[in-house]
N, C-alpha and C. Protein backbone atom coordinates (compact mmCIF):
# COMPACT_ATOMS: atom_id res chain seq x y z
N MET A 1 0.83 -1.20 0.00
CA MET A 1 0.00 0.00 0.00
C MET A 1 0.87 1.26 0.00
N ILE A 2 2.00 1.20 0.69
CA ILE A 2 2.90 2.36 0.73
C ILE A 2 3.42 2.65 -0.67
N GLU A 3 3.88 1.62 -1.35
CA GLU A 3 4.38 1.83 -2.72
C GLU A 3 3.26 2.25 -3.66
N ALA A 4 2.07 1.70 -3.47
CA ALA A 4 0.92 2.09 -4.30
C ALA A 4 0.58 3.57 -4.09
N ALA A 5 0.93 4.10 -2.91
CA ALA A 5 0.70 5.52 -2.61
C ALA A 5 1.78 6.41 -3.22
N GLY A 6 2.76 5.79 -3.89
CA GLY A 6 3.79 6.56 -4.58
C GLY A 6 5.05 6.81 -3.77
N ILE A 7 5.24 6.07 -2.69
CA ILE A 7 6.43 6.25 -1.85
C ILE A 7 7.41 5.12 -2.13
N TYR A 8 8.62 5.48 -2.48
CA TYR A 8 9.65 4.48 -2.75
C TYR A 8 10.11 3.85 -1.44
N LEU A 9 10.22 2.54 -1.43
CA LEU A 9 10.72 1.81 -0.27
C LEU A 9 11.97 1.04 -0.64
N THR A 10 12.98 1.14 0.20
CA THR A 10 14.17 0.32 0.02
C THR A 10 13.87 -1.08 0.55
N GLU A 11 14.74 -2.02 0.27
CA GLU A 11 14.58 -3.37 0.80
C GLU A 11 14.63 -3.34 2.33
N THR A 12 15.50 -2.48 2.88
CA THR A 12 15.58 -2.34 4.34
C THR A 12 14.27 -1.81 4.90
N ASP A 13 13.68 -0.80 4.24
CA ASP A 13 12.38 -0.28 4.67
C ASP A 13 11.35 -1.41 4.74
N LYS A 14 11.30 -2.21 3.69
CA LYS A 14 10.31 -3.29 3.63
C LYS A 14 10.47 -4.25 4.80
N LYS A 15 11.71 -4.54 5.17
CA LYS A 15 11.98 -5.46 6.28
C LYS A 15 11.66 -4.83 7.64
N ASN A 16 11.62 -3.50 7.69
CA ASN A 16 11.40 -2.80 8.96
C ASN A 16 9.95 -2.44 9.25
N ILE A 17 9.04 -2.82 8.37
CA ILE A 17 7.62 -2.56 8.62
C ILE A 17 7.15 -3.51 9.72
N THR A 18 6.53 -2.94 10.73
CA THR A 18 6.02 -3.74 11.84
C THR A 18 4.49 -3.65 11.87
N ALA A 19 3.89 -4.58 12.56
CA ALA A 19 2.44 -4.58 12.73
C ALA A 19 2.14 -4.60 14.23
N ALA A 20 1.22 -3.76 14.65
CA ALA A 20 0.82 -3.71 16.06
C ALA A 20 -0.65 -4.11 16.16
N ASP A 21 -0.91 -5.15 16.97
CA ASP A 21 -2.30 -5.54 17.20
C ASP A 21 -2.75 -5.18 18.62
N PHE A 22 -1.85 -4.53 19.37
CA PHE A 22 -2.16 -4.02 20.70
C PHE A 22 -2.63 -5.11 21.66
N GLY A 23 -2.18 -6.34 21.40
CA GLY A 23 -2.55 -7.45 22.27
C GLY A 23 -3.99 -7.89 22.14
N LEU A 24 -4.70 -7.37 21.13
CA LEU A 24 -6.12 -7.66 20.97
C LEU A 24 -6.38 -8.86 20.05
N SER A 25 -5.33 -9.32 19.37
CA SER A 25 -5.36 -10.53 18.54
C SER A 25 -6.42 -10.53 17.44
N ASP A 26 -6.71 -9.34 16.90
CA ASP A 26 -7.62 -9.24 15.76
C ASP A 26 -7.18 -8.05 14.91
N ILE A 27 -5.96 -8.18 14.36
CA ILE A 27 -5.30 -7.05 13.70
C ILE A 27 -6.10 -6.49 12.53
N LYS A 28 -6.89 -7.28 11.86
CA LYS A 28 -7.66 -6.74 10.74
C LYS A 28 -8.73 -5.77 11.21
N LYS A 29 -9.17 -5.90 12.48
CA LYS A 29 -10.13 -4.96 13.05
C LYS A 29 -9.43 -3.82 13.77
N GLU A 30 -8.52 -4.16 14.69
CA GLU A 30 -7.85 -3.14 15.50
C GLU A 30 -6.34 -3.35 15.43
N GLY A 31 -5.67 -2.40 14.80
CA GLY A 31 -4.22 -2.49 14.65
C GLY A 31 -3.73 -1.42 13.71
N VAL A 32 -2.42 -1.47 13.43
CA VAL A 32 -1.80 -0.53 12.50
C VAL A 32 -0.47 -1.13 12.05
N GLN A 33 -0.08 -0.80 10.84
CA GLN A 33 1.23 -1.19 10.31
C GLN A 33 2.10 0.05 10.32
N ILE A 34 3.36 -0.10 10.74
CA ILE A 34 4.22 1.06 11.00
C ILE A 34 5.58 0.89 10.33
N LEU A 35 6.03 1.91 9.63
CA LEU A 35 7.40 2.00 9.15
C LEU A 35 8.01 3.25 9.76
N THR A 36 8.96 3.07 10.68
CA THR A 36 9.64 4.20 11.28
C THR A 36 10.73 4.65 10.32
N LEU A 37 10.63 5.88 9.84
CA LEU A 37 11.63 6.43 8.93
C LEU A 37 12.85 6.90 9.69
N PHE A 38 12.61 7.58 10.82
CA PHE A 38 13.68 7.95 11.74
C PHE A 38 13.10 8.26 13.10
N ASP A 39 13.94 8.13 14.12
CA ASP A 39 13.54 8.37 15.50
C ASP A 39 14.77 8.84 16.25
N THR A 40 14.87 10.16 16.47
CA THR A 40 16.01 10.72 17.19
C THR A 40 15.59 11.06 18.62
N ASP A 41 16.47 11.67 19.37
CA ASP A 41 16.14 12.08 20.74
C ASP A 41 15.11 13.21 20.77
N ARG A 42 14.87 13.87 19.64
CA ARG A 42 13.98 15.03 19.64
C ARG A 42 12.78 14.91 18.70
N MET A 43 12.89 14.09 17.64
CA MET A 43 11.80 14.03 16.66
C MET A 43 11.78 12.68 15.95
N ALA A 44 10.65 12.42 15.30
CA ALA A 44 10.49 11.15 14.58
C ALA A 44 9.55 11.33 13.40
N ALA A 45 9.68 10.42 12.45
CA ALA A 45 8.76 10.35 11.31
C ALA A 45 8.46 8.88 11.03
N LYS A 46 7.19 8.62 10.80
CA LYS A 46 6.73 7.26 10.50
C LYS A 46 5.76 7.32 9.34
N ILE A 47 5.61 6.17 8.69
CA ILE A 47 4.51 5.97 7.76
C ILE A 47 3.59 4.96 8.44
N LEU A 48 2.34 5.32 8.58
CA LEU A 48 1.34 4.45 9.20
C LEU A 48 0.39 3.96 8.11
N VAL A 49 0.06 2.68 8.17
CA VAL A 49 -0.84 2.07 7.19
C VAL A 49 -1.99 1.39 7.92
N LEU A 50 -3.18 1.67 7.46
CA LEU A 50 -4.37 0.97 7.96
C LEU A 50 -4.95 0.15 6.82
N LEU A 51 -5.26 -1.09 7.09
CA LEU A 51 -5.95 -1.94 6.13
C LEU A 51 -7.40 -1.47 6.00
N PRO A 52 -8.12 -1.91 4.98
CA PRO A 52 -9.52 -1.48 4.87
C PRO A 52 -10.30 -1.74 6.16
N TYR A 53 -10.95 -0.70 6.64
CA TYR A 53 -11.78 -0.70 7.85
C TYR A 53 -11.02 -1.02 9.14
N GLN A 54 -9.70 -0.98 9.10
CA GLN A 54 -8.90 -1.21 10.31
C GLN A 54 -8.93 0.06 11.17
N THR A 55 -8.91 -0.14 12.49
CA THR A 55 -9.01 0.95 13.45
C THR A 55 -7.82 0.90 14.40
N GLU A 56 -7.17 2.04 14.61
CA GLU A 56 -6.18 2.10 15.69
C GLU A 56 -6.93 2.51 16.95
N PRO A 57 -6.78 1.74 18.03
CA PRO A 57 -7.54 2.01 19.25
C PRO A 57 -7.33 3.42 19.81
N GLU A 58 -8.35 3.91 20.51
CA GLU A 58 -8.30 5.23 21.13
C GLU A 58 -7.17 5.29 22.15
N HIS A 59 -6.38 6.35 22.05
CA HIS A 59 -5.22 6.51 22.94
C HIS A 59 -4.84 7.98 23.04
N TRP A 60 -3.88 8.25 23.92
CA TRP A 60 -3.31 9.58 24.05
C TRP A 60 -1.86 9.43 24.48
N HIS A 61 -1.10 10.50 24.25
CA HIS A 61 0.33 10.52 24.55
C HIS A 61 0.54 11.36 25.81
N PRO A 62 0.69 10.72 26.98
CA PRO A 62 0.76 11.44 28.26
C PRO A 62 2.14 12.07 28.49
N PRO A 63 2.22 12.95 29.48
CA PRO A 63 3.53 13.49 29.86
C PRO A 63 4.46 12.36 30.30
N VAL A 64 5.74 12.54 30.02
CA VAL A 64 6.77 11.59 30.45
C VAL A 64 7.87 12.41 31.11
N GLY A 65 7.95 12.34 32.43
CA GLY A 65 8.93 13.16 33.15
C GLY A 65 8.62 14.63 32.94
N ASP A 66 9.61 15.40 32.51
CA ASP A 66 9.44 16.83 32.25
C ASP A 66 8.86 17.12 30.87
N ASP A 67 8.74 16.09 30.04
CA ASP A 67 8.21 16.24 28.69
C ASP A 67 6.68 16.25 28.76
N PRO A 68 6.01 17.20 28.09
CA PRO A 68 4.55 17.27 28.15
C PRO A 68 3.84 16.12 27.41
N GLY A 69 4.59 15.30 26.68
CA GLY A 69 4.01 14.21 25.90
C GLY A 69 4.25 14.45 24.43
N LYS A 70 4.09 13.41 23.67
CA LYS A 70 4.36 13.48 22.23
C LYS A 70 3.35 14.39 21.54
N GLU A 71 3.86 15.32 20.76
CA GLU A 71 3.04 16.13 19.86
C GLU A 71 3.16 15.49 18.48
N GLU A 72 2.04 15.39 17.77
CA GLU A 72 2.04 14.63 16.52
C GLU A 72 1.32 15.41 15.42
N VAL A 73 1.88 15.35 14.23
CA VAL A 73 1.23 15.91 13.05
C VAL A 73 0.97 14.76 12.09
N ILE A 74 -0.26 14.57 11.72
CA ILE A 74 -0.65 13.53 10.77
C ILE A 74 -0.88 14.20 9.42
N ARG A 75 -0.34 13.60 8.37
CA ARG A 75 -0.57 14.10 7.02
C ARG A 75 -1.06 12.94 6.16
N GLY A 76 -2.24 13.11 5.60
CA GLY A 76 -2.80 12.08 4.73
C GLY A 76 -1.99 11.94 3.46
N ILE A 77 -1.77 10.69 3.04
CA ILE A 77 -1.04 10.41 1.81
C ILE A 77 -1.97 9.79 0.77
N TRP A 78 -2.71 8.77 1.22
CA TRP A 78 -3.54 8.02 0.28
C TRP A 78 -4.67 7.31 1.02
N GLY A 79 -5.79 7.13 0.36
CA GLY A 79 -6.85 6.30 0.90
C GLY A 79 -7.93 7.06 1.65
N ASP A 80 -8.68 6.28 2.43
CA ASP A 80 -9.83 6.79 3.18
C ASP A 80 -9.47 6.79 4.66
N LEU A 81 -9.31 7.97 5.24
CA LEU A 81 -8.83 8.09 6.61
C LEU A 81 -9.71 9.06 7.39
N THR A 82 -10.11 8.61 8.58
CA THR A 82 -10.90 9.47 9.45
C THR A 82 -10.33 9.41 10.85
N PHE A 83 -10.14 10.58 11.46
CA PHE A 83 -9.67 10.70 12.84
C PHE A 83 -10.83 11.09 13.73
N TYR A 84 -10.73 10.72 15.00
CA TYR A 84 -11.74 11.05 16.00
C TYR A 84 -11.02 11.71 17.17
N ILE A 85 -11.43 12.94 17.48
CA ILE A 85 -10.77 13.76 18.47
C ILE A 85 -11.82 14.39 19.39
N PRO A 86 -11.37 15.09 20.46
CA PRO A 86 -12.34 15.75 21.34
C PRO A 86 -13.20 16.77 20.57
N GLY A 87 -14.42 16.91 21.02
CA GLY A 87 -15.34 17.87 20.41
C GLY A 87 -16.71 17.27 20.26
N GLU A 88 -17.55 17.98 19.52
CA GLU A 88 -18.93 17.58 19.29
C GLU A 88 -19.00 16.20 18.62
N ASP A 89 -19.98 15.40 18.97
CA ASP A 89 -20.19 14.09 18.36
C ASP A 89 -20.71 14.28 16.95
N THR A 90 -19.82 14.03 15.96
CA THR A 90 -20.19 14.14 14.56
C THR A 90 -19.94 12.82 13.82
N LEU A 91 -19.79 11.74 14.57
CA LEU A 91 -19.49 10.44 13.97
C LEU A 91 -20.58 10.08 12.97
N GLU A 92 -20.18 9.93 11.73
CA GLU A 92 -21.13 9.61 10.66
C GLU A 92 -20.51 8.64 9.66
N LYS A 93 -19.27 8.92 9.27
CA LYS A 93 -18.60 8.14 8.23
C LYS A 93 -18.08 6.81 8.77
N GLY A 94 -17.54 6.83 9.97
CA GLY A 94 -16.93 5.64 10.55
C GLY A 94 -17.88 4.85 11.43
N PHE A 95 -17.28 3.97 12.22
CA PHE A 95 -18.07 3.11 13.10
C PHE A 95 -17.25 2.75 14.33
N ILE A 96 -17.94 2.43 15.39
CA ILE A 96 -17.31 1.95 16.61
C ILE A 96 -17.12 0.44 16.47
N VAL A 97 -15.93 -0.05 16.80
CA VAL A 97 -15.67 -1.48 16.74
C VAL A 97 -16.72 -2.20 17.59
N GLU A 98 -17.28 -3.26 17.04
CA GLU A 98 -18.38 -3.98 17.69
C GLU A 98 -18.06 -4.36 19.13
N GLY A 99 -19.00 -4.00 20.02
CA GLY A 99 -18.87 -4.34 21.43
C GLY A 99 -17.92 -3.45 22.21
N LYS A 100 -17.45 -2.34 21.61
CA LYS A 100 -16.44 -1.51 22.26
C LYS A 100 -16.87 -0.05 22.40
N ASP A 101 -18.16 0.18 22.62
CA ASP A 101 -18.66 1.56 22.76
C ASP A 101 -17.90 2.35 23.82
N LEU A 102 -17.55 1.72 24.92
CA LEU A 102 -16.87 2.42 26.02
C LEU A 102 -15.38 2.64 25.75
N CYS A 103 -14.85 2.00 24.72
CA CYS A 103 -13.42 2.11 24.40
C CYS A 103 -13.12 3.15 23.34
N TYR A 104 -14.16 3.69 22.72
CA TYR A 104 -14.02 4.71 21.67
C TYR A 104 -14.92 5.89 22.04
N THR A 105 -14.39 6.76 22.88
CA THR A 105 -15.21 7.84 23.44
C THR A 105 -15.15 9.13 22.63
N MET A 106 -14.09 9.32 21.84
CA MET A 106 -13.99 10.51 21.00
C MET A 106 -14.84 10.28 19.76
N ARG A 107 -15.74 11.23 19.48
CA ARG A 107 -16.69 11.04 18.38
C ARG A 107 -16.71 12.23 17.41
N ASN A 108 -15.76 13.18 17.60
CA ASN A 108 -15.68 14.32 16.69
C ASN A 108 -14.87 13.88 15.47
N GLU A 109 -15.57 13.69 14.37
CA GLU A 109 -15.01 13.09 13.16
C GLU A 109 -14.30 14.13 12.29
N VAL A 110 -13.05 13.82 11.90
CA VAL A 110 -12.27 14.68 11.01
C VAL A 110 -11.79 13.81 9.85
N VAL A 111 -12.29 14.08 8.66
CA VAL A 111 -11.88 13.34 7.47
C VAL A 111 -10.55 13.92 7.00
N ILE A 112 -9.58 13.01 6.79
CA ILE A 112 -8.25 13.41 6.34
C ILE A 112 -8.07 12.92 4.91
N ASN A 113 -8.05 13.84 3.97
CA ASN A 113 -7.80 13.51 2.57
C ASN A 113 -6.31 13.63 2.29
N PRO A 114 -5.81 13.07 1.18
CA PRO A 114 -4.40 13.24 0.85
C PRO A 114 -4.03 14.72 0.85
N GLY A 115 -2.94 15.04 1.56
CA GLY A 115 -2.48 16.42 1.68
C GLY A 115 -3.02 17.15 2.89
N ASP A 116 -4.09 16.65 3.51
CA ASP A 116 -4.63 17.26 4.72
C ASP A 116 -3.73 16.94 5.90
N GLN A 117 -3.67 17.86 6.86
CA GLN A 117 -2.88 17.66 8.07
C GLN A 117 -3.75 17.88 9.29
N LEU A 118 -3.42 17.16 10.35
CA LEU A 118 -4.08 17.29 11.63
C LEU A 118 -2.99 17.36 12.69
N ILE A 119 -3.03 18.39 13.52
CA ILE A 119 -2.06 18.54 14.61
C ILE A 119 -2.71 18.05 15.89
N LEU A 120 -2.03 17.11 16.55
CA LEU A 120 -2.51 16.55 17.82
C LEU A 120 -1.57 17.01 18.94
N PRO A 121 -2.00 17.99 19.75
CA PRO A 121 -1.18 18.44 20.87
C PRO A 121 -0.96 17.30 21.87
N PRO A 122 0.08 17.39 22.70
CA PRO A 122 0.30 16.36 23.71
C PRO A 122 -0.95 16.13 24.55
N GLY A 123 -1.21 14.86 24.85
CA GLY A 123 -2.33 14.52 25.72
C GLY A 123 -3.69 14.47 25.04
N THR A 124 -3.76 14.70 23.72
CA THR A 124 -5.04 14.70 23.01
C THR A 124 -5.51 13.26 22.78
N LYS A 125 -6.63 12.92 23.35
CA LYS A 125 -7.20 11.59 23.13
C LYS A 125 -7.69 11.50 21.68
N HIS A 126 -7.33 10.41 21.00
CA HIS A 126 -7.72 10.25 19.60
C HIS A 126 -7.70 8.79 19.18
N TRP A 127 -8.38 8.50 18.08
CA TRP A 127 -8.31 7.22 17.41
C TRP A 127 -8.56 7.48 15.94
N PHE A 128 -8.23 6.51 15.11
CA PHE A 128 -8.43 6.71 13.69
C PHE A 128 -8.78 5.40 13.00
N GLN A 129 -9.37 5.57 11.81
CA GLN A 129 -9.95 4.42 11.13
C GLN A 129 -9.86 4.62 9.62
N ALA A 130 -9.62 3.53 8.91
CA ALA A 130 -9.61 3.56 7.45
C ALA A 130 -10.98 3.19 6.92
N GLY A 131 -11.24 3.64 5.73
CA GLY A 131 -12.45 3.27 5.03
C GLY A 131 -12.20 2.09 4.11
N GLU A 132 -12.96 2.03 3.06
CA GLU A 132 -12.98 0.88 2.15
C GLU A 132 -11.62 0.57 1.52
N ARG A 133 -10.85 1.59 1.18
CA ARG A 133 -9.58 1.35 0.49
C ARG A 133 -8.40 1.16 1.44
N GLY A 134 -8.59 1.42 2.73
CA GLY A 134 -7.45 1.48 3.63
C GLY A 134 -6.88 2.89 3.58
N ALA A 135 -5.75 3.11 4.26
CA ALA A 135 -5.18 4.45 4.30
C ALA A 135 -3.69 4.39 4.57
N VAL A 136 -2.99 5.39 4.04
CA VAL A 136 -1.56 5.58 4.29
C VAL A 136 -1.38 7.02 4.72
N MET A 137 -0.60 7.22 5.80
CA MET A 137 -0.38 8.57 6.32
C MET A 137 1.03 8.71 6.86
N TYR A 138 1.49 9.94 6.92
CA TYR A 138 2.72 10.26 7.64
C TYR A 138 2.36 10.63 9.06
N SER A 139 3.23 10.28 9.99
CA SER A 139 3.16 10.75 11.37
C SER A 139 4.49 11.42 11.68
N PHE A 140 4.47 12.72 11.86
CA PHE A 140 5.65 13.48 12.27
C PHE A 140 5.44 13.85 13.73
N SER A 141 6.43 13.64 14.56
CA SER A 141 6.21 13.91 15.98
C SER A 141 7.48 14.31 16.70
N THR A 142 7.24 14.79 17.91
CA THR A 142 8.35 14.97 18.83
C THR A 142 8.79 13.57 19.27
N LYS A 143 9.72 13.49 20.16
CA LYS A 143 10.29 12.21 20.59
C LYS A 143 9.22 11.14 20.79
N VAL A 144 9.50 9.97 20.24
CA VAL A 144 8.56 8.86 20.34
C VAL A 144 8.59 8.28 21.75
N THR A 145 7.42 8.21 22.34
CA THR A 145 7.25 7.62 23.67
C THR A 145 6.09 6.63 23.63
N ASP A 146 5.95 5.92 22.50
CA ASP A 146 4.77 5.08 22.25
C ASP A 146 4.51 4.04 23.33
N LEU A 147 5.56 3.50 23.93
CA LEU A 147 5.33 2.50 24.97
C LEU A 147 4.70 3.09 26.22
N MET A 148 4.68 4.42 26.31
CA MET A 148 4.05 5.11 27.43
C MET A 148 2.60 5.52 27.11
N ASP A 149 2.17 5.32 25.86
CA ASP A 149 0.81 5.71 25.48
C ASP A 149 -0.21 5.07 26.41
N ARG A 150 -1.30 5.76 26.60
CA ARG A 150 -2.41 5.26 27.40
C ARG A 150 -3.59 4.99 26.48
N PHE A 151 -4.35 3.96 26.80
CA PHE A 151 -5.47 3.53 25.96
C PHE A 151 -6.76 3.48 26.77
N THR A 152 -7.87 3.81 26.13
CA THR A 152 -9.17 3.74 26.78
C THR A 152 -9.57 2.29 27.01
N ASP A 153 -9.19 1.41 26.08
CA ASP A 153 -9.52 -0.01 26.19
C ASP A 153 -8.56 -0.68 27.18
N PRO A 154 -9.06 -1.18 28.31
CA PRO A 154 -8.18 -1.79 29.31
C PRO A 154 -7.54 -3.09 28.84
N GLN A 155 -8.02 -3.64 27.72
CA GLN A 155 -7.45 -4.89 27.19
C GLN A 155 -6.19 -4.66 26.36
N VAL A 156 -5.91 -3.42 25.99
CA VAL A 156 -4.76 -3.12 25.14
C VAL A 156 -3.45 -3.39 25.87
N VAL A 157 -2.53 -4.04 25.14
CA VAL A 157 -1.16 -4.24 25.61
C VAL A 157 -0.29 -3.58 24.54
N ARG A 158 0.41 -2.50 24.92
CA ARG A 158 1.16 -1.73 23.92
C ARG A 158 2.42 -2.41 23.44
N ASP A 159 3.13 -3.10 24.30
CA ASP A 159 4.37 -3.75 23.93
C ASP A 159 4.06 -5.10 23.30
N THR A 160 4.66 -5.39 22.16
CA THR A 160 4.41 -6.65 21.47
C THR A 160 4.96 -7.82 22.25
N VAL A 161 4.12 -8.85 22.38
CA VAL A 161 4.52 -10.09 23.03
C VAL A 161 4.30 -11.22 22.04
N ILE A 162 5.36 -11.99 21.74
CA ILE A 162 5.23 -13.10 20.82
C ILE A 162 5.15 -14.37 21.65
N GLU A 163 4.06 -15.11 21.45
CA GLU A 163 3.85 -16.35 22.19
C GLU A 163 4.16 -17.52 21.28
N GLY A 164 4.86 -18.53 21.83
CA GLY A 164 5.25 -19.68 21.01
C GLY A 164 4.27 -20.79 20.99
């Protein structure tokens, strides 16, 4: 999907794409595919991919020590992408994952088309979802603290665990 969106990938890039299912074991429903382009002590850039109708669970980037938390800029590249952030309930295009009404509390819908950007200040609760075609986006942020992210769904496990 990344290459279909017009982004060149090296062989190393292809090997570095990871998938996060957040310990929910149903990645086609709730998860995200991630290619970290770079991650320094001060900033990071990633390409995030959602499969058709895949949802990244509701979360926020909390303060870590003296840092106020990760600030993130999302830029749409390709596909059907909708973000849900604080504000008036305007949920119309997307859907709440079945049986998880209490885990997706942000209902202010923001459609992100290719070239659109959304700035998420530190601590902003959000989730996002792809439509029929899936979606590809850039995530530009301050220092990555993803393992410190907090999730509304108490079943989420942020660190990947591989069971044999």
